[in-house]
Amino acid sequence: MAPRHEIETNLKGETLVRKGLMHKYKGIVPLRLVPELNVVKIGGHGVIDYGREVVMPLMDEIGDLSKRHKMLIVTGGGVRVRHILDIGIDLGMPTGVLAELAGKISEQNAVIITLLLSNWGGSRVKTGDLLDLPTLLHLGVLPVIHGTPPYGLYEHPPGTGLIPPHRTDTGALLMAEVLGAKSCILVKNVDGLFSEDPRLNPKAKLIEEITAEELIAMDMEDMVLERKMLYLMRDTVNVKEIRIVNGHKRGTIEKALLGEKVGTVIRA
């Protein structure tokens, strides 16, 4: 066998999958690119789909908060994602294709929210522009981006069924992690995570605080956030908690930004 052409580095000859190598770099703390950033994800299904009555007051609130807090606004897809997934699944589209289609819907919502926030410096940011955030925030821009992770055709197999496992909640978490953000807040249409769907069971109990592992162990039939987030949180370095708040109630986002008691906190 001919000798391998090598370059003298600390990783010379490594397979990059060796367990001992992984542990060697375990203690290295990555750079936090935007440590004062708050990633605020606005649900499509829980907020945007309700239209003017819910969205316009929320835009005023976010615009006002942007004067005092650095934020990245992330948009979900909502009812139109469910529609395109329904059609795609019926036609036998692979998971990767479904992810591509769903991403275009959350992009549409990003355009809408950007325009609604234009009075406060709202500016559309695309996935490839994330590293420009420090400069944009310094210039007073309020960045808005869609939440679907850019896996596209390379979306991971879901395990069961065809629905893409990495959607906009997960995208918000991944962006917060890579940017080293201060917080990751999911804005929904309920007061937080409940033991059951509060719309179906009014007696369902609000879970104010829980760990990702505890929530995984509960194996709930349904949740107000994407299940994939919980598994990712076991490995996150920068994001140690996410918070779920009600975007239909004024003041909840500010409380979350200030770290006050509101909604549900899920800790890594």
Foldseek 3Di string as FASTA:
>chain_A
DDDDDWDDDPCTPPPVPDPVVCVVCVPDDDDQQCAQEEEEEEECAFAVVVPDVQPLVLLVQVLVVLVPGHYEYEYFQHPVLVVLVVVCVVVPHALLQSLQVRQVRLQVVQVVSQVSNVVQQRDEDEPVCLSVSVVCVVVRHHYYYYQRPPCRSVQDQPVDGGHGLGGRLNSSVVSCQVNLYNAYEYAGADQAKWPDPCVVPVPTHAAAEEELVVVVVSVDPDIPDRNVNSVVCVPGDRYFKHFYGYSSDPPQVVCVSVVHRTYHIYGD
